[in-house]
Amino acid sequence: MIRHPEPMRYRTAYLRLKSALQDPATGFPAYPMLVNELQARLDARRQIGVLHVGLSGLPLVESLYGWQTLDRILSQVAEALTAMVGDVLPEGSLLSINAVAGDRFIVFIPKVPGFLEVDAGILAEIGRTVVERLEMLFDNDEFAGLNPRLGFQVGHALLSENPYYRFERRIHGAVEEACNLQERQEHNRDRAGADELRRIIEDSDVTTLFHPIIDLHTGVTLGHEALARGPRGSIYEMPVSMFAASGPAGETAALDRLCRTQALCSCCRMEGLGKLFINVTPQSLADPEWQSGRIVDLLSEAALSPGDLVLELSEPQADRDTAHTVAAIAPLRSRGFGIALDDVGSGYASLATMERLCPDYLKVDGSLVRDIDSHLIKQEALASLVQVAGRLGSAVIAEGVESKAESEAIRNLGVRFGQGFLFAAPGMPGEAAGN
């Protein structure tokens, strides 16, 4: 039997289109693909429930942990929602996503057992249970350590026929109504978060931990890196969360100044401090406190000189505008401040940036150090960075050293200094090393 080429061509085009409208991370269809199915379901009832499931802070999660982590999160949410059908979500619920490569989930609920029609009260109750299940699931998996934590919000609406509107527009309108309800909930959460961040700044509710940097040959402490911490147990405990929220709240400069001041005040009580390494951004160096010389007075109050302070610049940030960074650090370097380039080897390393900044220290990212004793490629990459550092006159500090095998491997490759839990955990002044 000979198949006619036209139907085959149309079928191939249809399958290609269907594939294009199927989200690869979740396996869910984009909700416009469900128009015919929803029309058929609505023929038997007055209205269909719509749930809009959103995850708070996903852009921040992607910027901090990468798109692969984002895709894994979305995939696990999709799996969790699928498992809820027949339990939390009634049988016959249709699962979808807002768009291909989207990050919001749309659930259509045609009917609920024991009820003639779906209504807003039923949807609100189902939504609360969905949030509880998702939060419980993500509290016990690989993403439990994310900071900020994942948050879930569910908005709801009702989809019904209206002869004055095309059915596709009615679907879109119901989805947007559910989304708007969810976004209002998220906006209230963000506003409360911004208020909490401002309270942290106003109350100086930031503590400083110190992480030692050790000479791998002599065991002598070169110095300590100051690590800011927000209120324990809060979403702002880790500095990445505080600074990510500080931009939209317009508080980055104030937060940066607070963390710096707290570090200088706390280091007075630190025995055997050595050099003090403080994280800064190229933008924060525009603060008048740096450029006016006020920072020298603050150092003097802490019994430190400019030569005792090392400014750690994140390599990816410095690489975005190297000329601006070079101009910002020039007057500070002339006063005697040390410069360290952080996160080197994390995948962003730019030889041009290293050459133009010519830092005193290159801090190798922990991802390159992890299990380096058994990875030849990592060993070759680190050996190359050590050679570059030698030409620049920079000392190399390896971060994230957790085992004796890693320590021996990096020392044999020419690394002079190490930092990591092998030597000590970050601690407050007066705590014993390793606490």
Protein backbone atom coordinates (compact mmCIF):
# COMPACT_ATOMS: atom_id res chain seq x y z
CA MET A 1 0.00 0.00 0.00
CA ILE A 2 1.41 3.39 -1.00
CA ARG A 3 0.87 6.23 1.46
CA HIS A 4 -0.02 9.57 0.02
CA PRO A 5 2.79 12.05 0.74
CA GLU A 6 0.49 14.93 1.75
CA PRO A 7 -1.01 13.37 4.93
CA MET A 8 2.46 12.19 5.95
CA ARG A 9 3.84 15.67 5.46
CA TYR A 10 1.04 17.19 7.53
CA ARG A 11 1.51 14.60 10.26
CA THR A 12 5.25 15.31 10.36
CA ALA A 13 4.55 19.06 10.62
CA TYR A 14 2.01 18.41 13.37
CA LEU A 15 4.43 16.29 15.39
CA ARG A 16 7.12 18.91 14.95
CA LEU A 17 4.75 21.63 16.17
CA LYS A 18 3.61 19.50 19.09
CA SER A 19 7.22 18.87 20.07
CA ALA A 20 7.93 22.60 19.89
CA LEU A 21 5.05 23.28 22.31
CA GLN A 22 6.15 20.61 24.80
CA ASP A 23 8.42 21.99 27.52
CA PRO A 24 11.65 19.94 27.61
CA ALA A 25 12.41 20.46 31.33
CA THR A 26 9.00 19.38 32.65
CA GLY A 27 7.47 17.37 29.81
CA PHE A 28 4.30 19.45 30.23
CA PRO A 29 2.52 21.04 27.28
CA ALA A 30 2.13 24.79 27.06
CA TYR A 31 -1.46 25.45 28.14
CA PRO A 32 -2.68 26.68 24.69
CA MET A 33 -2.23 23.07 23.56
CA LEU A 34 -5.19 22.13 25.80
CA VAL A 35 -7.81 24.32 24.13
CA ASN A 36 -9.75 21.48 22.48
CA GLU A 37 -9.62 19.29 25.58
CA LEU A 38 -10.84 22.12 27.80
CA GLN A 39 -13.65 22.95 25.39
CA ALA A 40 -14.80 19.34 25.48
CA ARG A 41 -14.66 19.23 29.29
CA LEU A 42 -16.57 22.50 29.63
CA ASP A 43 -19.42 21.15 27.48
CA ALA A 44 -20.45 19.00 30.45
CA ARG A 45 -20.32 21.69 33.20
CA ARG A 46 -20.58 25.42 33.90
CA GLN A 47 -16.99 26.12 34.87
CA ILE A 48 -13.49 24.67 35.26
CA GLY A 49 -11.09 25.53 38.04
CA VAL A 50 -7.69 27.07 37.22
CA LEU A 51 -4.68 26.95 39.55
CA HIS A 52 -1.58 29.02 38.85
CA VAL A 53 1.46 27.58 40.69
CA GLY A 54 4.41 29.94 40.96
CA LEU A 55 7.85 29.65 42.58
CA SER A 56 9.26 32.76 44.23
CA GLY A 57 12.78 33.95 43.51
CA LEU A 58 13.49 31.74 40.49
CA PRO A 59 15.51 34.42 38.65
CA LEU A 60 17.70 34.72 41.75
CA VAL A 61 18.08 30.93 42.01
CA GLU A 62 19.12 30.77 38.35
CA SER A 63 21.62 33.63 38.75
CA LEU A 64 23.19 32.03 41.84
CA TYR A 65 23.12 28.34 40.93
CA GLY A 66 22.76 28.20 37.12
CA TRP A 67 20.11 27.09 34.63
CA GLN A 68 20.75 23.38 35.23
CA THR A 69 19.64 23.75 38.85
CA LEU A 70 16.60 25.75 37.71
CA ASP A 71 15.62 23.00 35.26
CA ARG A 72 15.99 20.33 37.96
CA ILE A 73 13.72 22.32 40.26
CA LEU A 74 11.06 22.72 37.57
CA SER A 75 11.31 19.03 36.69
CA GLN A 76 10.79 18.00 40.31
CA VAL A 77 7.79 20.32 40.68
CA ALA A 78 6.31 18.75 37.55
CA GLU A 79 6.86 15.26 38.96
CA ALA A 80 5.32 16.29 42.28
CA LEU A 81 2.21 17.76 40.64
CA THR A 82 1.81 14.65 38.50
CA ALA A 83 1.97 12.48 41.63
CA MET A 84 -0.74 14.63 43.27
CA VAL A 85 -3.32 13.82 40.58
CA GLY A 86 -5.85 11.46 42.14
CA ASP A 87 -4.89 12.66 45.62
CA VAL A 88 -4.62 16.40 46.25
CA LEU A 89 -5.59 17.18 42.66
CA PRO A 90 -8.78 15.41 41.51
CA GLU A 91 -8.68 12.74 38.81
CA GLY A 92 -8.97 14.31 35.38
CA SER A 93 -6.92 17.39 36.28
CA LEU A 94 -4.91 18.70 33.32
CA LEU A 95 -1.31 19.76 33.96
CA SER A 96 0.51 22.33 31.84
CA ILE A 97 3.10 25.09 31.91
CA ASN A 98 2.68 28.75 30.98
CA ALA A 99 5.00 28.47 27.95
CA VAL A 100 7.79 26.37 26.52
CA ALA A 101 10.82 27.13 28.72
CA GLY A 102 8.37 28.70 31.16
CA ASP A 103 8.55 28.63 34.93
CA ARG A 104 4.91 28.73 36.02
CA PHE A 105 2.54 25.78 36.20
CA ILE A 106 -1.13 25.81 35.20
CA VAL A 107 -3.53 23.16 36.51
CA PHE A 108 -7.06 22.86 35.10
CA ILE A 109 -9.57 21.12 37.39
CA PRO A 110 -12.81 20.15 35.58
CA LYS A 111 -14.53 18.53 38.57
CA VAL A 112 -14.10 17.63 42.23
CA PRO A 113 -15.60 14.43 43.67
CA GLY A 114 -18.67 15.15 45.80
CA PHE A 115 -19.35 18.59 44.29
CA LEU A 116 -21.57 19.54 41.38
CA GLU A 117 -19.27 22.36 40.33
CA VAL A 118 -15.81 23.65 41.18
CA ASP A 119 -15.90 26.94 43.08
CA ALA A 120 -13.37 29.46 44.45
CA GLY A 121 -13.48 28.09 47.98
CA ILE A 122 -12.61 24.57 46.81
CA LEU A 123 -9.77 25.90 44.65
CA ALA A 124 -8.32 27.93 47.53
CA GLU A 125 -8.29 24.84 49.75
CA ILE A 126 -6.67 22.69 47.05
CA GLY A 127 -4.11 25.46 46.46
CA ARG A 128 -3.13 25.57 50.14
CA THR A 129 -2.62 21.81 50.17
CA VAL A 130 -0.52 21.94 46.99
CA VAL A 131 1.75 24.54 48.61
CA GLU A 132 2.10 22.43 51.77
CA ARG A 133 3.01 19.32 49.75
CA LEU A 134 5.58 21.14 47.63
CA GLU A 135 7.20 22.81 50.64
CA MET A 136 7.36 19.48 52.44
CA LEU A 137 8.90 17.79 49.41
CA PHE A 138 11.59 20.44 48.90
CA ASP A 139 12.45 20.54 52.60
CA ASN A 140 13.74 16.98 52.31
CA ASP A 141 15.65 16.93 49.04
CA GLU A 142 18.82 18.27 47.46
CA PHE A 143 17.43 21.82 47.27
CA ALA A 144 16.79 22.16 51.02
CA GLY A 145 20.11 24.00 51.37
CA LEU A 146 19.29 26.69 48.81
CA ASN A 147 19.45 30.19 50.22
CA PRO A 148 17.09 31.91 49.63
CA ARG A 149 14.75 29.00 50.16
CA LEU A 150 12.26 28.05 47.49
CA GLY A 151 8.81 29.52 48.05
CA PHE A 152 5.53 28.45 46.46
CA GLN A 153 2.37 30.46 45.82
CA VAL A 154 -0.88 29.33 44.22
CA GLY A 155 -3.48 31.64 42.70
CA HIS A 156 -6.86 30.49 41.43
CA ALA A 157 -9.63 31.51 39.05
CA LEU A 158 -12.65 30.02 37.27
CA LEU A 159 -12.89 29.36 33.53
CA SER A 160 -16.37 29.56 32.00
CA GLU A 161 -17.94 30.12 28.60
CA ASN A 162 -18.79 33.63 27.43
CA PRO A 163 -20.38 34.03 23.98
CA TYR A 164 -18.81 37.48 23.57
CA TYR A 165 -15.23 36.18 23.81
CA ARG A 166 -13.36 33.60 21.81
CA PHE A 167 -12.73 30.55 23.97
CA GLU A 168 -8.94 30.84 23.67
CA ARG A 169 -9.16 34.35 25.10
CA ARG A 170 -11.33 33.12 27.98
CA ILE A 171 -8.64 30.56 28.86
CA HIS A 172 -5.93 33.19 28.72
CA GLY A 173 -8.02 35.56 30.85
CA ALA A 174 -8.61 32.92 33.54
CA VAL A 175 -4.91 32.04 33.64
CA GLU A 176 -3.97 35.72 33.97
CA GLU A 177 -6.55 36.21 36.74
CA ALA A 178 -5.05 33.30 38.69
CA CYS A 179 -1.54 34.62 37.99
CA ASN A 180 -2.44 38.12 39.22
CA LEU A 181 -3.75 36.71 42.49
CA GLN A 182 -0.53 34.71 42.94
CA GLU A 183 1.62 37.73 42.04
CA ARG A 184 -0.17 39.89 44.61
CA GLN A 185 0.69 37.29 47.22
CA GLU A 186 4.32 37.28 46.06
CA HIS A 187 4.49 41.08 45.98
CA ASN A 188 3.33 41.20 49.59
CA ARG A 189 6.04 38.67 50.48
CA ASP A 190 8.73 40.69 48.66
CA ARG A 191 7.62 43.90 50.35
CA ALA A 192 7.82 42.20 53.74
CA GLY A 193 11.29 40.89 52.79
CA ALA A 194 12.48 44.39 51.84
CA ASP A 195 11.17 45.75 55.15
CA GLU A 196 13.04 42.99 57.00
CA LEU A 197 16.26 43.83 55.13
CA ARG A 198 15.91 47.50 56.07
CA ARG A 199 15.37 46.45 59.69
CA ILE A 200 18.56 44.37 59.54
CA ILE A 201 20.49 47.40 58.32
CA GLU A 202 18.90 49.81 60.81
CA ASP A 203 19.56 47.45 63.74
CA SER A 204 23.03 46.41 62.49
CA ASP A 205 21.77 42.82 62.74
CA VAL A 206 24.78 41.38 60.89
CA THR A 207 27.53 39.28 62.42
CA THR A 208 30.96 38.49 61.02
CA LEU A 209 32.62 35.10 60.86
CA PHE A 210 36.32 34.73 60.11
CA HIS A 211 37.77 31.98 57.94
CA PRO A 212 41.56 31.47 58.17
CA ILE A 213 43.90 31.32 55.19
CA ILE A 214 46.86 29.03 55.87
CA ASP A 215 50.38 28.81 54.44
CA LEU A 216 50.51 25.24 53.11
CA HIS A 217 54.27 24.99 53.66
CA THR A 218 54.63 26.44 57.17
CA GLY A 219 51.12 26.15 58.64
CA VAL A 220 51.26 29.84 59.59
CA THR A 221 48.06 31.89 59.22
CA LEU A 222 48.31 34.46 56.44
CA GLY A 223 45.05 36.12 57.39
CA HIS A 224 41.29 35.69 57.66
CA GLU A 225 38.42 36.29 55.27
CA ALA A 226 35.49 38.19 56.82
CA LEU A 227 32.16 36.52 56.05
CA ALA A 228 28.94 38.42 56.76
CA ARG A 229 25.90 36.60 58.15
CA GLY A 230 22.37 37.87 58.59
CA PRO A 231 19.97 36.72 61.33
CA ARG A 232 20.40 32.99 61.96
CA GLY A 233 17.67 30.83 60.44
CA SER A 234 16.23 33.64 58.31
CA ILE A 235 16.16 33.86 54.51
CA TYR A 236 18.87 36.52 54.86
CA GLU A 237 21.34 34.44 56.84
CA MET A 238 23.66 34.06 53.85
CA PRO A 239 25.20 37.18 52.23
CA VAL A 240 24.18 36.16 48.70
CA SER A 241 20.54 36.42 49.78
CA MET A 242 20.98 39.77 51.48
CA PHE A 243 22.82 41.35 48.56
CA ALA A 244 20.46 39.87 45.97
CA ALA A 245 17.54 41.52 47.78
CA SER A 246 19.41 44.75 48.48
CA GLY A 247 19.45 45.83 44.81
CA PRO A 248 15.65 45.97 44.28
CA ALA A 249 15.29 47.50 47.75
CA GLY A 250 17.85 50.22 46.95
CA GLU A 251 19.98 49.28 49.96
CA THR A 252 23.14 47.79 48.43
CA ALA A 253 25.47 50.63 49.46
CA ALA A 254 24.08 50.71 53.00
CA LEU A 255 24.33 46.93 53.38
CA ASP A 256 27.87 46.85 52.00
CA ARG A 257 28.91 49.61 54.43
CA LEU A 258 27.32 47.76 57.34
CA CYS A 259 29.07 44.47 56.54
CA ARG A 260 32.41 46.27 56.19
CA THR A 261 31.97 48.18 59.47
CA GLN A 262 30.95 45.05 61.37
CA ALA A 263 33.99 43.19 60.04
CA LEU A 264 36.35 45.96 61.15
CA CYS A 265 34.73 46.17 64.59
CA SER A 266 34.77 42.40 65.09
CA CYS A 267 38.34 41.85 63.95
CA CYS A 268 39.59 43.87 66.95
CA ARG A 269 38.72 40.83 69.06
CA MET A 270 40.37 38.35 66.70
CA GLU A 271 43.64 36.90 67.94
CA GLY A 272 46.25 36.20 65.27
CA LEU A 273 44.18 38.02 62.64
CA GLY A 274 46.94 38.56 60.09
CA LYS A 275 45.65 40.20 56.94
CA LEU A 276 41.92 40.91 56.75
CA PHE A 277 40.25 39.88 53.47
CA ILE A 278 36.97 41.71 52.79
CA ASN A 279 34.64 41.03 49.85
CA VAL A 280 33.76 44.10 47.79
CA THR A 281 32.10 44.76 44.45
CA PRO A 282 33.48 47.18 41.85
CA GLN A 283 30.30 49.26 42.32
CA SER A 284 30.74 49.51 46.09
CA LEU A 285 34.18 51.08 45.65
CA ALA A 286 32.39 54.24 44.53
CA ASP A 287 31.27 54.69 48.15
CA PRO A 288 32.74 57.98 49.46
CA GLU A 289 34.01 56.06 52.48
CA TRP A 290 36.58 54.40 50.21
CA GLN A 291 37.49 57.34 48.05
CA SER A 292 37.60 60.01 50.80
CA GLY A 293 40.07 58.16 52.97
CA ARG A 294 37.52 57.60 55.75
CA ILE A 295 38.31 53.89 55.47
CA VAL A 296 41.86 54.62 56.68
CA ASP A 297 40.43 56.19 59.83
CA LEU A 298 38.24 53.13 60.40
CA LEU A 299 41.27 50.88 59.99
CA SER A 300 43.21 52.95 62.48
CA GLU A 301 40.40 52.54 65.01
CA ALA A 302 40.76 48.77 64.52
CA ALA A 303 44.56 49.02 64.97
CA LEU A 304 45.09 48.13 61.31
CA SER A 305 46.90 49.84 58.45
CA PRO A 306 45.94 49.79 54.75
CA GLY A 307 48.55 47.09 54.18
CA ASP A 308 46.59 44.81 56.52
CA LEU A 309 43.44 44.96 54.37
CA VAL A 310 42.93 42.91 51.19
CA LEU A 311 39.95 43.71 48.96
CA GLU A 312 38.45 40.62 47.35
CA LEU A 313 36.86 41.31 43.97
CA SER A 314 34.74 38.61 42.37
CA GLU A 315 36.29 37.71 39.00
CA PRO A 316 32.95 37.57 37.10
CA GLN A 317 31.98 41.05 38.38
CA ALA A 318 35.38 42.55 37.61
CA ASP A 319 35.32 41.00 34.16
CA ARG A 320 32.08 42.81 33.23
CA ASP A 321 33.74 46.23 33.35
CA THR A 322 37.46 45.81 33.82
CA ALA A 323 38.27 49.43 32.95
CA HIS A 324 35.93 50.73 35.67
CA THR A 325 37.36 48.27 38.19
CA VAL A 326 40.97 49.23 37.40
CA ALA A 327 40.12 52.93 37.81
CA ALA A 328 38.31 52.30 41.11
CA ILE A 329 41.13 50.33 42.75
CA ALA A 330 44.02 52.52 41.54
CA PRO A 331 43.79 55.12 44.34
CA LEU A 332 43.24 52.39 46.94
CA ARG A 333 46.24 50.44 45.74
CA SER A 334 48.36 53.61 45.93
CA ARG A 335 47.43 53.87 49.62
CA GLY A 336 48.73 50.35 50.24
CA PHE A 337 45.59 48.19 50.13
CA GLY A 338 46.02 44.64 48.84
CA ILE A 339 43.88 43.29 45.98
CA ALA A 340 42.62 39.72 45.55
CA LEU A 341 40.73 38.34 42.56
CA ASP A 342 38.14 35.83 43.79
CA ASP A 343 36.32 32.92 42.05
CA VAL A 344 39.19 32.31 39.61
CA GLY A 345 38.73 29.05 37.73
CA SER A 346 34.94 28.98 38.21
CA GLY A 347 34.37 29.06 34.47
CA TYR A 348 34.58 32.83 34.06
CA ALA A 349 38.33 33.27 34.24
CA SER A 350 39.62 35.99 31.97
CA LEU A 351 43.38 36.25 31.47
CA ALA A 352 42.90 39.81 30.26
CA THR A 353 41.17 40.76 33.53
CA MET A 354 43.93 39.16 35.58
CA GLU A 355 46.58 41.00 33.59
CA ARG A 356 44.91 44.41 33.86
CA LEU A 357 44.16 44.13 37.57
CA CYS A 358 47.47 42.44 38.43
CA PRO A 359 46.16 41.35 41.86
CA ASP A 360 48.30 40.46 44.85
CA TYR A 361 46.34 37.23 45.28
CA LEU A 362 44.44 34.88 42.97
CA LYS A 363 41.79 32.95 44.91
CA VAL A 364 41.04 29.70 43.09
CA ASP A 365 37.38 28.68 43.25
CA GLY A 366 36.54 25.60 45.31
CA SER A 367 34.94 23.89 42.30
CA LEU A 368 38.41 23.50 40.79
CA VAL A 369 39.90 22.26 44.08
CA ARG A 370 37.22 19.65 44.81
CA ASP A 371 38.71 16.13 44.39
CA ILE A 372 41.64 17.59 42.45
CA ASP A 373 43.87 14.79 43.70
CA SER A 374 42.01 12.37 41.39
CA HIS A 375 41.28 14.67 38.40
CA LEU A 376 44.09 15.19 35.91
CA ILE A 377 42.26 17.91 33.97
CA LYS A 378 41.77 19.97 37.15
CA GLN A 379 45.44 19.48 38.00
CA GLU A 380 46.47 20.79 34.58
CA ALA A 381 44.12 23.77 34.87
CA LEU A 382 45.44 24.68 38.32
CA ALA A 383 49.06 24.27 37.20
CA SER A 384 48.36 26.74 34.38
CA LEU A 385 46.84 29.26 36.81
CA VAL A 386 49.88 28.93 39.08
CA GLN A 387 52.11 29.77 36.09
CA VAL A 388 49.97 32.80 35.23
CA ALA A 389 50.09 33.95 38.85
CA GLY A 390 53.88 33.65 38.83
CA ARG A 391 54.13 35.92 35.80
CA LEU A 392 51.79 38.44 37.43
CA GLY A 393 53.61 38.33 40.76
CA SER A 394 50.44 37.06 42.48
CA ALA A 395 50.21 34.49 45.26
CA VAL A 396 47.64 31.70 44.80
CA ILE A 397 45.06 30.87 47.47
CA ALA A 398 43.01 27.69 46.96
CA GLU A 399 39.50 27.83 48.45
CA GLY A 400 37.34 24.93 49.55
CA VAL A 401 40.13 22.61 50.71
CA GLU A 402 38.42 19.78 52.59
CA SER A 403 40.82 16.83 52.57
CA LYS A 404 44.51 16.14 53.14
CA ALA A 405 44.71 14.62 49.65
CA GLU A 406 43.46 17.89 48.11
CA SER A 407 45.88 19.89 50.26
CA GLU A 408 48.85 17.78 49.21
CA ALA A 409 47.84 17.90 45.55
CA ILE A 410 47.53 21.69 45.38
CA ARG A 411 50.75 22.19 47.34
CA ASN A 412 52.61 19.93 44.89
CA LEU A 413 51.18 22.01 42.04
CA GLY A 414 52.73 25.17 43.48
CA VAL A 415 49.84 26.67 45.44
CA ARG A 416 51.14 28.59 48.46
CA PHE A 417 47.99 29.16 50.56
CA GLY A 418 44.83 27.22 51.33
CA GLN A 419 41.44 27.98 52.85
CA GLY A 420 38.78 25.45 53.77
CA PHE A 421 37.19 23.19 56.35
CA LEU A 422 40.31 21.00 56.46
CA PHE A 423 41.98 23.80 58.42
CA ALA A 424 39.00 25.35 60.24
CA ALA A 425 35.37 26.27 59.83
CA PRO A 426 34.40 29.95 59.77
CA GLY A 427 34.01 31.18 63.34
CA MET A 428 33.41 34.24 65.45
CA PRO A 429 36.23 35.90 67.41
CA GLY A 430 37.13 33.83 70.45
CA GLU A 431 35.80 30.55 69.07
CA ALA A 432 38.16 27.63 68.84
CA ALA A 433 39.33 26.73 65.35
CA GLY A 434 37.05 24.25 63.70
CA ASN A 435 33.96 25.19 65.73
